[in-house]
C-alpha atoms as a PDB file:
ATOM      1  CA  MET A   1      -0.151   0.019   0.005  1.00  0.00           C
ATOM      2  CA  LYS A   2       2.745   2.139   0.635  1.00  0.00           C
ATOM      3  CA  ARG A   3       4.585   1.568  -2.469  1.00  0.00           C
ATOM      4  CA  ILE A   4       1.552   2.557  -4.304  1.00  0.00           C
ATOM      5  CA  THR A   5       0.914   5.856  -2.299  1.00  0.00           C
ATOM      6  CA  LEU A   6       4.558   6.552  -2.966  1.00  0.00           C
ATOM      7  CA  PHE A   7       4.641   5.588  -6.733  1.00  0.00           C
ATOM      8  CA  SER A   8       1.208   7.911  -6.996  1.00  0.00           C
ATOM      9  CA  LEU A   9       2.852  11.111  -5.319  1.00  0.00           C
ATOM     10  CA  LEU A  10       5.676  10.298  -7.813  1.00  0.00           C
ATOM     11  CA  VAL A  11       3.502  10.382 -10.733  1.00  0.00           C
ATOM     12  CA  MET A  12       1.663  13.433  -9.497  1.00  0.00           C
ATOM     13  CA  ASN A  13       4.842  15.308  -8.821  1.00  0.00           C
ATOM     14  CA  CYS A  14       6.179  14.464 -12.244  1.00  0.00           C
ATOM     15  CA  PHE A  15       2.693  15.695 -13.802  1.00  0.00           C
ATOM     16  CA  PHE A  16       2.714  19.215 -11.993  1.00  0.00           C
ATOM     17  CA  TYR A  17       6.693  19.641 -12.631  1.00  0.00           C
ATOM     18  CA  ALA A  18       6.075  18.982 -16.497  1.00  0.00           C
ATOM     19  CA  HIS A  19       3.126  21.083 -16.493  1.00  0.00           C
ATOM     20  CA  ALA A  20       4.798  23.959 -14.687  1.00  0.00           C
ATOM     21  CA  GLN A  21       7.659  23.749 -17.080  1.00  0.00           C
ATOM     22  CA  ARG A  22       5.482  24.476 -20.058  1.00  0.00           C
ATOM     23  CA  THR A  23       4.009  27.317 -18.705  1.00  0.00           C
ATOM     24  CA  THR A  24       5.971  30.379 -20.267  1.00  0.00           C
ATOM     25  CA  PHE A  25       5.250  34.047 -19.630  1.00  0.00           C
ATOM     26  CA  THR A  26       5.791  36.591 -22.351  1.00  0.00           C
ATOM     27  CA  ARG A  27       6.833  40.411 -22.238  1.00  0.00           C
ATOM     28  CA  GLN A  28       3.240  41.050 -23.038  1.00  0.00           C
ATOM     29  CA  ASP A  29       2.033  38.853 -19.923  1.00  0.00           C
ATOM     30  CA  THR A  30       4.451  41.023 -17.809  1.00  0.00           C
ATOM     31  CA  MET A  31       3.078  44.283 -19.082  1.00  0.00           C
ATOM     32  CA  ARG A  32      -0.323  43.301 -18.769  1.00  0.00           C
ATOM     33  CA  GLY A  33      -0.229  41.934 -15.165  1.00  0.00           C
ATOM     34  CA  SER A  34       2.458  44.062 -13.562  1.00  0.00           C
ATOM     35  CA  ILE A  35       2.040  47.408 -11.759  1.00  0.00           C
ATOM     36  CA  THR A  36       4.388  48.773 -14.095  1.00  0.00           C
ATOM     37  CA  GLU A  37       6.434  52.122 -13.503  1.00  0.00           C
ATOM     38  CA  GLU A  38       4.030  53.703 -16.500  1.00  0.00           C
ATOM     39  CA  ARG A  39       0.783  52.623 -14.270  1.00  0.00           C
ATOM     40  CA  LYS A  40       1.820  53.296 -10.694  1.00  0.00           C
ATOM     41  CA  TRP A  41       2.664  57.044 -11.022  1.00  0.00           C
ATOM     42  CA  TRP A  42      -1.137  58.138 -11.487  1.00  0.00           C
ATOM     43  CA  ASP A  43      -4.378  57.293  -9.954  1.00  0.00           C
ATOM     44  CA  LEU A  44      -7.356  56.777 -12.285  1.00  0.00           C
ATOM     45  CA  THR A  45     -10.298  58.738 -11.148  1.00  0.00           C
ATOM     46  CA  TYR A  46     -12.686  58.993 -13.989  1.00  0.00           C
ATOM     47  CA  TYR A  47     -13.529  57.485 -17.692  1.00  0.00           C
ATOM     48  CA  HIS A  48     -15.780  58.950 -20.172  1.00  0.00           C
ATOM     49  CA  LEU A  49     -15.728  56.301 -22.872  1.00  0.00           C
ATOM     50  CA  ASN A  50     -17.581  57.889 -25.899  1.00  0.00           C
ATOM     51  CA  ILE A  51     -18.319  55.218 -28.837  1.00  0.00           C
ATOM     52  CA  THR A  52     -20.071  54.506 -32.117  1.00  0.00           C
ATOM     53  CA  VAL A  53     -20.845  50.962 -32.414  1.00  0.00           C
ATOM     54  CA  ASN A  54     -21.845  49.973 -36.288  1.00  0.00           C
ATOM     55  CA  PRO A  55     -23.560  46.483 -36.656  1.00  0.00           C
ATOM     56  CA  ASP A  56     -23.238  46.855 -40.450  1.00  0.00           C
ATOM     57  CA  ASP A  57     -19.619  46.390 -40.765  1.00  0.00           C
ATOM     58  CA  SER A  58     -18.625  45.228 -37.245  1.00  0.00           C
ATOM     59  CA  THR A  59     -16.734  48.130 -36.127  1.00  0.00           C
ATOM     60  CA  ILE A  60     -16.091  50.341 -32.974  1.00  0.00           C
ATOM     61  CA  TYR A  61     -14.815  53.795 -33.150  1.00  0.00           C
ATOM     62  CA  GLY A  62     -14.648  56.726 -30.316  1.00  0.00           C
ATOM     63  CA  THR A  63     -12.801  58.077 -27.607  1.00  0.00           C
ATOM     64  CA  ASN A  64     -11.984  57.435 -23.946  1.00  0.00           C
ATOM     65  CA  THR A  65     -11.231  60.557 -21.748  1.00  0.00           C
ATOM     66  CA  VAL A  66      -8.963  59.354 -19.003  1.00  0.00           C
ATOM     67  CA  ARG A  67      -8.916  61.619 -15.968  1.00  0.00           C
ATOM     68  CA  TYR A  68      -6.339  61.039 -13.204  1.00  0.00           C
ATOM     69  CA  THR A  69      -4.431  62.207 -10.256  1.00  0.00           C
ATOM     70  CA  VAL A  70      -0.710  62.135 -10.526  1.00  0.00           C
ATOM     71  CA  LEU A  71       0.804  60.459  -7.446  1.00  0.00           C
ATOM     72  CA  GLU A  72       4.536  60.962  -8.429  1.00  0.00           C
ATOM     73  CA  GLN A  73       6.274  62.893 -11.291  1.00  0.00           C
ATOM     74  CA  TYR A  74       6.569  60.644 -14.350  1.00  0.00           C
ATOM     75  CA  GLN A  75       6.289  61.254 -18.156  1.00  0.00           C
ATOM     76  CA  VAL A  76       5.354  58.128 -19.725  1.00  0.00           C
ATOM     77  CA  MET A  77       1.622  56.626 -19.260  1.00  0.00           C
ATOM     78  CA  GLN A  78       0.773  53.127 -20.111  1.00  0.00           C
ATOM     79  CA  ILE A  79      -2.701  52.464 -21.751  1.00  0.00           C
ATOM     80  CA  ASP A  80      -3.761  48.991 -22.959  1.00  0.00           C
ATOM     81  CA  LEU A  81      -5.701  48.112 -26.031  1.00  0.00           C
ATOM     82  CA  GLN A  82      -5.665  44.764 -27.795  1.00  0.00           C
ATOM     83  CA  PRO A  83      -5.222  44.174 -31.674  1.00  0.00           C
ATOM     84  CA  PRO A  84      -6.843  44.381 -34.045  1.00  0.00           C
ATOM     85  CA  LEU A  85      -8.162  47.562 -32.559  1.00  0.00           C
ATOM     86  CA  GLU A  86      -5.662  50.509 -32.917  1.00  0.00           C
ATOM     87  CA  LEU A  87      -4.965  53.534 -30.497  1.00  0.00           C
ATOM     88  CA  GLN A  88      -5.107  56.211 -33.089  1.00  0.00           C
ATOM     89  CA  GLU A  89      -4.519  59.280 -31.074  1.00  0.00           C
ATOM     90  CA  ALA A  90      -3.584  60.632 -27.674  1.00  0.00           C
ATOM     91  CA  VAL A  91      -4.300  64.279 -26.784  1.00  0.00           C
ATOM     92  CA  GLN A  92      -3.547  66.289 -23.656  1.00  0.00           C
ATOM     93  CA  ASP A  93      -4.308  69.984 -23.447  1.00  0.00           C
ATOM     94  CA  GLY A  94      -4.909  70.140 -27.286  1.00  0.00           C
ATOM     95  CA  LYS A  95      -1.655  68.897 -27.992  1.00  0.00           C
ATOM     96  CA  LYS A  96      -0.994  65.370 -29.693  1.00  0.00           C
ATOM     97  CA  LEU A  97       1.301  63.054 -28.071  1.00  0.00           C
ATOM     98  CA  ILE A  98       3.765  60.522 -29.369  1.00  0.00           C
ATOM     99  CA  ILE A  99       2.730  57.055 -28.535  1.00  0.00           C
ATOM    100  CA  GLN A 100       5.187  53.924 -28.538  1.00  0.00           C
ATOM    101  CA  HIS A 101       3.250  50.960 -29.401  1.00  0.00           C
ATOM    102  CA  ASP A 102       4.237  47.571 -27.859  1.00  0.00           C
ATOM    103  CA  GLY A 103       1.899  44.955 -28.603  1.00  0.00           C
ATOM    104  CA  ASN A 104      -0.991  45.395 -26.265  1.00  0.00           C
ATOM    105  CA  ALA A 105       0.586  48.127 -24.296  1.00  0.00           C
ATOM    106  CA  HIS A 106       0.879  51.573 -25.503  1.00  0.00           C
ATOM    107  CA  PHE A 107       3.239  54.085 -23.942  1.00  0.00           C
ATOM    108  CA  ILE A 108       2.320  57.633 -23.934  1.00  0.00           C
ATOM    109  CA  GLN A 109       5.068  60.454 -23.940  1.00  0.00           C
ATOM    110  CA  LEU A 110       3.691  63.137 -21.694  1.00  0.00           C
ATOM    111  CA  THR A 111       5.014  66.588 -22.678  1.00  0.00           C
ATOM    112  CA  LYS A 112       3.163  68.157 -19.924  1.00  0.00           C
ATOM    113  CA  LYS A 113       5.190  68.063 -16.512  1.00  0.00           C
ATOM    114  CA  GLN A 114       3.275  65.808 -14.126  1.00  0.00           C
ATOM    115  CA  LYS A 115       3.182  67.526 -10.913  1.00  0.00           C
ATOM    116  CA  PRO A 116       2.054  65.097  -7.835  1.00  0.00           C
ATOM    117  CA  GLY A 117      -1.547  66.180  -6.712  1.00  0.00           C
ATOM    118  CA  ILE A 118      -2.468  67.883  -9.786  1.00  0.00           C
ATOM    119  CA  GLN A 119      -5.582  66.236 -11.778  1.00  0.00           C
ATOM    120  CA  ASN A 120      -4.893  65.913 -15.658  1.00  0.00           C
ATOM    121  CA  GLU A 121      -6.768  63.964 -18.428  1.00  0.00           C
ATOM    122  CA  VAL A 122      -5.744  62.475 -21.749  1.00  0.00           C
ATOM    123  CA  ILE A 123      -8.166  61.837 -24.691  1.00  0.00           C
ATOM    124  CA  LEU A 124      -7.589  58.567 -26.473  1.00  0.00           C
ATOM    125  CA  THR A 125      -8.829  58.180 -29.909  1.00  0.00           C
ATOM    126  CA  TYR A 126      -9.204  54.393 -31.245  1.00  0.00           C
ATOM    127  CA  GLY A 127     -11.251  52.064 -33.568  1.00  0.00           C
ATOM    128  CA  GLY A 128     -11.447  49.338 -36.016  1.00  0.00           C
ATOM    129  CA  ARG A 129     -13.024  45.770 -36.093  1.00  0.00           C
ATOM    130  CA  PRO A 130     -12.618  44.178 -32.272  1.00  0.00           C
ATOM    131  CA  HIS A 131     -11.818  40.803 -31.674  1.00  0.00           C
ATOM    132  CA  ILE A 132     -15.231  38.355 -32.145  1.00  0.00           C
ATOM    133  CA  ALA A 133     -15.922  36.310 -28.785  1.00  0.00           C
ATOM    134  CA  ARG A 134     -16.063  32.738 -29.955  1.00  0.00           C
ATOM    135  CA  ARG A 135     -17.694  31.227 -26.751  1.00  0.00           C
ATOM    136  CA  PRO A 136     -18.793  33.799 -24.804  1.00  0.00           C
ATOM    137  CA  PRO A 137     -18.507  34.509 -21.755  1.00  0.00           C
ATOM    138  CA  TRP A 138     -15.674  32.136 -21.427  1.00  0.00           C
ATOM    139  CA  SER A 139     -13.930  33.747 -24.403  1.00  0.00           C
ATOM    140  CA  GLY A 140     -14.128  37.604 -24.716  1.00  0.00           C
ATOM    141  CA  GLY A 141     -14.616  40.059 -27.409  1.00  0.00           C
ATOM    142  CA  ILE A 142     -17.567  41.125 -28.991  1.00  0.00           C
ATOM    143  CA  THR A 143     -20.448  39.308 -30.298  1.00  0.00           C
ATOM    144  CA  TRP A 144     -22.226  40.165 -33.526  1.00  0.00           C
ATOM    145  CA  GLU A 145     -25.617  38.393 -34.020  1.00  0.00           C
ATOM    146  CA  TYR A 146     -29.172  39.041 -34.874  1.00  0.00           C
ATOM    147  CA  ASP A 147     -32.280  38.145 -32.806  1.00  0.00           C
ATOM    148  CA  ASP A 148     -35.140  35.994 -34.227  1.00  0.00           C
ATOM    149  CA  ASN A 149     -36.720  39.106 -35.744  1.00  0.00           C
ATOM    150  CA  GLY A 150     -33.580  39.735 -37.989  1.00  0.00           C
ATOM    151  CA  ASN A 151     -32.429  42.747 -35.881  1.00  0.00           C
ATOM    152  CA  PRO A 152     -28.529  43.334 -34.800  1.00  0.00           C
ATOM    153  CA  PHE A 153     -27.994  41.798 -31.390  1.00  0.00           C
ATOM    154  CA  VAL A 154     -24.440  42.869 -30.263  1.00  0.00           C
ATOM    155  CA  VAL A 155     -22.849  42.373 -26.943  1.00  0.00           C
ATOM    156  CA  SER A 156     -19.395  42.566 -24.966  1.00  0.00           C
ATOM    157  CA  THR A 157     -17.817  39.997 -22.703  1.00  0.00           C
ATOM    158  CA  CYS A 158     -14.168  40.386 -21.342  1.00  0.00           C
ATOM    159  CA  GLN A 159     -14.026  38.634 -17.800  1.00  0.00           C
ATOM    160  CA  GLY A 160     -11.005  36.978 -18.684  1.00  0.00           C
ATOM    161  CA  ILE A 161      -9.324  38.381 -21.669  1.00  0.00           C
ATOM    162  CA  GLY A 162      -9.624  42.230 -20.159  1.00  0.00           C
ATOM    163  CA  ALA A 163     -11.646  45.209 -21.079  1.00  0.00           C
ATOM    164  CA  SER A 164      -8.813  46.251 -23.351  1.00  0.00           C
ATOM    165  CA  ILE A 165     -10.196  44.027 -25.780  1.00  0.00           C
ATOM    166  CA  TRP A 166     -12.813  46.334 -26.702  1.00  0.00           C
ATOM    167  CA  TRP A 167     -11.704  49.571 -25.472  1.00  0.00           C
ATOM    168  CA  PRO A 168      -8.790  51.471 -24.248  1.00  0.00           C
ATOM    169  CA  CYS A 169      -8.052  51.637 -20.621  1.00  0.00           C
ATOM    170  CA  LYS A 170      -5.682  50.994 -17.545  1.00  0.00           C
ATOM    171  CA  ASP A 171      -6.231  47.281 -17.882  1.00  0.00           C
ATOM    172  CA  HIS A 172      -5.095  46.213 -14.232  1.00  0.00           C
ATOM    173  CA  LEU A 173      -7.578  45.269 -11.396  1.00  0.00           C
ATOM    174  CA  TYR A 174      -5.519  47.394  -8.816  1.00  0.00           C
ATOM    175  CA  ASP A 175      -7.030  50.672 -10.219  1.00  0.00           C
ATOM    176  CA  GLU A 176     -10.609  51.541 -10.627  1.00  0.00           C
ATOM    177  CA  PRO A 177     -12.302  54.930 -11.747  1.00  0.00           C
ATOM    178  CA  ASP A 178     -14.516  56.428  -9.127  1.00  0.00           C
ATOM    179  CA  SER A 179     -17.089  57.097 -11.576  1.00  0.00           C
ATOM    180  CA  MET A 180     -17.850  56.585 -15.363  1.00  0.00           C
ATOM    181  CA  LEU A 181     -19.732  58.037 -18.188  1.00  0.00           C
ATOM    182  CA  ILE A 182     -20.410  55.570 -21.001  1.00  0.00           C
ATOM    183  CA  SER A 183     -21.849  57.033 -24.385  1.00  0.00           C
ATOM    184  CA  VAL A 184     -22.895  54.665 -26.888  1.00  0.00           C
ATOM    185  CA  THR A 185     -24.090  55.565 -30.510  1.00  0.00           C
ATOM    186  CA  VAL A 186     -26.150  53.210 -32.303  1.00  0.00           C
ATOM    187  CA  PRO A 187     -28.612  52.738 -35.026  1.00  0.00           C
ATOM    188  CA  ALA A 188     -31.768  54.650 -34.199  1.00  0.00           C
ATOM    189  CA  ASN A 189     -33.983  51.286 -34.276  1.00  0.00           C
ATOM    190  CA  LEU A 190     -31.871  49.675 -31.311  1.00  0.00           C
ATOM    191  CA  MET A 191     -31.040  50.638 -27.816  1.00  0.00           C
ATOM    192  CA  ASP A 192     -27.824  50.530 -25.672  1.00  0.00           C
ATOM    193  CA  VAL A 193     -27.989  49.183 -22.349  1.00  0.00           C
ATOM    194  CA  SER A 194     -24.917  49.611 -20.166  1.00  0.00           C
ATOM    195  CA  ASN A 195     -23.884  50.248 -16.623  1.00  0.00           C
ATOM    196  CA  GLY A 196     -25.220  52.777 -14.270  1.00  0.00           C
ATOM    197  CA  ARG A 197     -28.037  55.135 -14.752  1.00  0.00           C
ATOM    198  CA  LEU A 198     -29.456  56.275 -18.250  1.00  0.00           C
ATOM    199  CA  ARG A 199     -29.063  60.045 -18.023  1.00  0.00           C
ATOM    200  CA  GLU A 200     -30.040  61.039 -21.542  1.00  0.00           C
ATOM    201  CA  ILE A 201     -31.109  59.729 -24.930  1.00  0.00           C
ATOM    202  CA  GLU A 202     -29.612  62.080 -27.580  1.00  0.00           C
ATOM    203  CA  HIS A 203     -31.235  61.798 -30.985  1.00  0.00           C
ATOM    204  CA  ASN A 204     -28.752  62.335 -33.901  1.00  0.00           C
ATOM    205  CA  ASN A 205     -29.461  63.700 -37.537  1.00  0.00           C
ATOM    206  CA  ASP A 206     -27.696  60.830 -39.065  1.00  0.00           C
ATOM    207  CA  GLY A 207     -30.216  58.155 -38.241  1.00  0.00           C
ATOM    208  CA  THR A 208     -28.694  57.132 -35.009  1.00  0.00           C
ATOM    209  CA  LYS A 209     -29.345  57.639 -31.252  1.00  0.00           C
ATOM    210  CA  THR A 210     -26.553  58.146 -28.250  1.00  0.00           C
ATOM    211  CA  TYR A 211     -27.330  56.431 -24.890  1.00  0.00           C
ATOM    212  CA  HIS A 212     -25.485  58.304 -22.115  1.00  0.00           C
ATOM    213  CA  TRP A 213     -24.980  55.818 -18.854  1.00  0.00           C
ATOM    214  CA  PHE A 214     -23.386  57.434 -15.800  1.00  0.00           C
ATOM    215  CA  VAL A 215     -21.836  55.103 -13.270  1.00  0.00           C
ATOM    216  CA  SER A 216     -21.292  57.006  -9.997  1.00  0.00           C
ATOM    217  CA  ASN A 217     -19.574  53.993  -8.108  1.00  0.00           C
ATOM    218  CA  PRO A 218     -16.181  52.874  -8.618  1.00  0.00           C
ATOM    219  CA  ILE A 219     -16.368  50.285 -11.293  1.00  0.00           C
ATOM    220  CA  ASN A 220     -13.569  47.647 -12.430  1.00  0.00           C
ATOM    221  CA  ASN A 221     -12.837  47.830 -16.084  1.00  0.00           C
ATOM    222  CA  TYR A 222     -14.053  43.998 -17.065  1.00  0.00           C
ATOM    223  CA  GLY A 223     -17.601  44.931 -15.565  1.00  0.00           C
ATOM    224  CA  VAL A 224     -18.093  47.564 -18.001  1.00  0.00           C
ATOM    225  CA  ASN A 225     -20.497  46.426 -20.891  1.00  0.00           C
ATOM    226  CA  ILE A 226     -22.236  47.284 -23.916  1.00  0.00           C
ATOM    227  CA  ASN A 227     -25.492  45.424 -24.707  1.00  0.00           C
ATOM    228  CA  ILE A 228     -27.256  46.459 -28.104  1.00  0.00           C
ATOM    229  CA  GLY A 229     -30.401  45.319 -29.506  1.00  0.00           C
ATOM    230  CA  ASP A 230     -34.148  45.739 -30.026  1.00  0.00           C
ATOM    231  CA  TYR A 231     -35.058  46.141 -26.341  1.00  0.00           C
ATOM    232  CA  VAL A 232     -38.266  46.626 -24.574  1.00  0.00           C
ATOM    233  CA  HIS A 233     -38.117  47.668 -21.208  1.00  0.00           C
ATOM    234  CA  PHE A 234     -40.238  47.164 -17.764  1.00  0.00           C
ATOM    235  CA  SER A 235     -39.434  48.049 -14.069  1.00  0.00           C
ATOM    236  CA  GLU A 236     -40.199  47.763 -10.564  1.00  0.00           C
ATOM    237  CA  GLN A 237     -38.942  48.919  -7.089  1.00  0.00           C
ATOM    238  CA  TYR A 238     -37.449  46.866  -4.552  1.00  0.00           C
ATOM    239  CA  ASN A 239     -37.774  48.021  -0.871  1.00  0.00           C
ATOM    240  CA  GLY A 240     -34.481  47.025   0.451  1.00  0.00           C
ATOM    241  CA  GLU A 241     -32.144  47.482   3.177  1.00  0.00           C
ATOM    242  CA  LYS A 242     -30.717  50.870   2.078  1.00  0.00           C
ATOM    243  CA  GLY A 243     -34.195  52.008   0.825  1.00  0.00           C
ATOM    244  CA  ILE A 244     -35.842  51.845  -2.623  1.00  0.00           C
ATOM    245  CA  LEU A 245     -33.815  50.243  -5.242  1.00  0.00           C
ATOM    246  CA  ASP A 246     -34.839  50.648  -8.848  1.00  0.00           C
ATOM    247  CA  CYS A 247     -34.989  47.242 -10.593  1.00  0.00           C
ATOM    248  CA  ASP A 248     -34.981  47.556 -14.407  1.00  0.00           C
ATOM    249  CA  TYR A 249     -35.339  44.863 -17.313  1.00  0.00           C
ATOM    250  CA  TYR A 250     -34.514  44.872 -20.618  1.00  0.00           C
ATOM    251  CA  VAL A 251     -35.398  42.147 -22.896  1.00  0.00           C
ATOM    252  CA  LEU A 252     -36.263  41.338 -26.432  1.00  0.00           C
ATOM    253  CA  PRO A 253     -39.970  41.916 -27.463  1.00  0.00           C
ATOM    254  CA  TYR A 254     -41.062  38.349 -28.072  1.00  0.00           C
ATOM    255  CA  ASN A 255     -39.729  37.546 -24.562  1.00  0.00           C
ATOM    256  CA  LEU A 256     -41.467  40.098 -22.986  1.00  0.00           C
ATOM    257  CA  GLU A 257     -44.216  37.995 -20.997  1.00  0.00           C
ATOM    258  CA  LYS A 258     -41.878  35.153 -20.179  1.00  0.00           C
ATOM    259  CA  ALA A 259     -39.461  37.681 -18.858  1.00  0.00           C
ATOM    260  CA  LYS A 260     -42.303  39.426 -16.642  1.00  0.00           C
ATOM    261  CA  GLU A 261     -42.879  35.971 -15.129  1.00  0.00           C
ATOM    262  CA  GLN A 262     -39.339  34.656 -14.703  1.00  0.00           C
ATOM    263  CA  PHE A 263     -37.824  37.766 -13.373  1.00  0.00           C
ATOM    264  CA  LYS A 264     -40.262  37.918 -10.318  1.00  0.00           C
ATOM    265  CA  GLN A 265     -37.465  35.857  -8.836  1.00  0.00           C
ATOM    266  CA  ALA A 266     -35.133  38.803  -8.926  1.00  0.00           C
ATOM    267  CA  ARG A 267     -36.643  40.332  -5.826  1.00  0.00           C
ATOM    268  CA  LEU A 268     -36.422  37.115  -4.011  1.00  0.00           C
ATOM    269  CA  MET A 269     -32.818  37.054  -4.853  1.00  0.00           C
ATOM    270  CA  LEU A 270     -32.209  40.512  -3.670  1.00  0.00           C
ATOM    271  CA  GLU A 271     -34.094  39.686  -0.579  1.00  0.00           C
ATOM    272  CA  ALA A 272     -32.337  36.582   0.287  1.00  0.00           C
ATOM    273  CA  PHE A 273     -28.779  38.072  -0.392  1.00  0.00           C
ATOM    274  CA  GLU A 274     -29.273  41.056   1.516  1.00  0.00           C
ATOM    275  CA  TYR A 275     -30.452  39.183   4.527  1.00  0.00           C
ATOM    276  CA  TRP A 276     -27.382  36.625   4.258  1.00  0.00           C
ATOM    277  CA  PHE A 277     -24.848  38.722   3.120  1.00  0.00           C
ATOM    278  CA  SER A 278     -25.461  42.414   3.094  1.00  0.00           C
ATOM    279  CA  PRO A 279     -27.077  45.112   1.294  1.00  0.00           C
ATOM    280  CA  TYR A 280     -26.876  45.517  -2.381  1.00  0.00           C
ATOM    281  CA  PRO A 281     -23.699  47.617  -2.901  1.00  0.00           C
ATOM    282  CA  PHE A 282     -24.921  49.620  -5.863  1.00  0.00           C
ATOM    283  CA  TYR A 283     -28.169  51.340  -4.919  1.00  0.00           C
ATOM    284  CA  GLU A 284     -26.993  54.501  -6.532  1.00  0.00           C
ATOM    285  CA  ASP A 285     -26.752  52.847  -9.988  1.00  0.00           C
ATOM    286  CA  GLY A 286     -29.748  50.746  -9.662  1.00  0.00           C
ATOM    287  CA  TYR A 287     -29.930  47.157 -10.910  1.00  0.00           C
ATOM    288  CA  LYS A 288     -30.593  45.732 -14.309  1.00  0.00           C
ATOM    289  CA  LEU A 289     -31.227  42.619 -15.818  1.00  0.00           C
ATOM    290  CA  VAL A 290     -30.460  42.508 -19.354  1.00  0.00           C
ATOM    291  CA  GLU A 291     -31.213  39.831 -22.027  1.00  0.00           C
ATOM    292  CA  VAL A 292     -28.003  38.924 -24.066  1.00  0.00           C
ATOM    293  CA  THR A 293     -26.879  35.934 -26.590  1.00  0.00           C
ATOM    294  CA  TYR A 294     -24.972  34.180 -23.770  1.00  0.00           C
ATOM    295  CA  PRO A 295     -25.750  32.566 -20.400  1.00  0.00           C
ATOM    296  CA  GLY A 296     -25.378  35.576 -18.369  1.00  0.00           C
ATOM    297  CA  MET A 297     -22.498  37.530 -16.348  1.00  0.00           C
ATOM    298  CA  GLU A 298     -22.565  39.586 -13.177  1.00  0.00           C
ATOM    299  CA  HIS A 299     -21.561  42.892 -14.837  1.00  0.00           C
ATOM    300  CA  GLN A 300     -21.653  45.683 -12.137  1.00  0.00           C
ATOM    301  CA  SER A 301     -25.416  47.084 -12.190  1.00  0.00           C
ATOM    302  CA  SER A 302     -26.055  45.780 -15.480  1.00  0.00           C
ATOM    303  CA  VAL A 303     -26.302  41.742 -14.847  1.00  0.00           C
ATOM    304  CA  THR A 304     -26.575  40.083 -18.129  1.00  0.00           C
ATOM    305  CA  TYR A 305     -29.088  37.187 -18.748  1.00  0.00           C
ATOM    306  CA  GLY A 306     -29.319  34.304 -21.133  1.00  0.00           C
ATOM    307  CA  ASN A 307     -30.642  31.390 -19.376  1.00  0.00           C
ATOM    308  CA  GLY A 308     -33.698  31.082 -21.489  1.00  0.00           C
ATOM    309  CA  TYR A 309     -36.283  31.901 -19.161  1.00  0.00           C
ATOM    310  CA  LYS A 310     -35.985  28.654 -17.489  1.00  0.00           C
ATOM    311  CA  ASN A 311     -34.988  27.353 -13.938  1.00  0.00           C
ATOM    312  CA  GLY A 312     -31.859  25.825 -13.227  1.00  0.00           C
ATOM    313  CA  TYR A 313     -28.897  26.141 -15.494  1.00  0.00           C
ATOM    314  CA  GLY A 314     -30.646  26.415 -19.073  1.00  0.00           C
ATOM    315  CA  GLY A 315     -33.237  23.999 -17.830  1.00  0.00           C
ATOM    316  CA  ASN A 316     -30.929  21.730 -16.140  1.00  0.00           C
ATOM    317  CA  ASP A 317     -30.237  20.554 -12.699  1.00  0.00           C
ATOM    318  CA  GLN A 318     -26.691  20.846 -12.361  1.00  0.00           C
ATOM    319  CA  SER A 319     -26.750  19.427  -8.821  1.00  0.00           C
ATOM    320  CA  ARG A 320     -28.749  16.687  -9.557  1.00  0.00           C
ATOM    321  CA  SER A 321     -30.617  16.943  -6.196  1.00  0.00           C
ATOM    322  CA  GLY A 322     -33.636  18.802  -7.292  1.00  0.00           C
ATOM    323  CA  TRP A 323     -32.996  21.892  -5.805  1.00  0.00           C
ATOM    324  CA  GLY A 324     -31.342  23.170  -8.638  1.00  0.00           C
ATOM    325  CA  MET A 325     -34.692  23.463 -10.670  1.00  0.00           C
ATOM    326  CA  LYS A 326     -36.491  25.492  -7.923  1.00  0.00           C
ATOM    327  CA  PHE A 327     -34.720  28.741  -9.092  1.00  0.00           C
ATOM    328  CA  ASP A 328     -33.088  30.502 -12.031  1.00  0.00           C
ATOM    329  CA  PHE A 329     -29.287  29.820 -11.768  1.00  0.00           C
ATOM    330  CA  ILE A 330     -28.461  33.059 -13.611  1.00  0.00           C
ATOM    331  CA  ILE A 331     -30.851  35.386 -11.576  1.00  0.00           C
END
């Protein structure tokens, strides 16, 4: 018995050693995962992501205004954006800056002296055809699909691969903006649903609309999302531990009645989680369930849902106990 045990341990050690030997890290991995010199000198405070999403040619173009506080004097800023998207321009105080591109990392040479304690901003211009998500949400990118009525249905996922797969940002979990404005321009027959509260719908003269969503809480990069479709909306209010929580639901028109029934579980979920854990943390930004093309993901204040309006996980009891069919796994 001892020989078998020792042999088993030896085999396991050889396996883990061989696996470790196969794991290699590139310069891109280091720049992505490290708090580099070009990151640590500035504290991110605010984003304004302002983009146009065009389903006809699967492109995204726009800007991201990055506001920050200088922590220590330094003159190079790292911004992350993954190909095939291109970081086309960086501007500070009206002056175009030199960008050194190194794969997913882009190093901006700042000409204005960065004095500790001062707030500054850089406006980034970017665009192109973003990486397509092949198996969302497990593989990230943008999903370009159509609903059952033939309308474009576009969503983002980036939990593993990082937000820089579809927009330029400081793509590291150690820093978050204190607030964020998300402005998304889409064809006039569609709606964008993103994080936070809807501030304004702007009707443009070119057959498009711009949806302005404001997030008043700190938000991590991967939690930022766009969901674009022929949505209809219904809502309710939940009287929770921190007061009235606005609950908004965005679904495709032909699923409206199913959603009104299935989403009754949202109140039960909120009540249970607040009782057992703590108050829902984003009362200021509200709570949303948004229908998408993939199973779902817990994006901050914009939770995505694609469970087919069934209990369990896609109508299946993963626990094989019977309990899994008593509630909607995604809600």
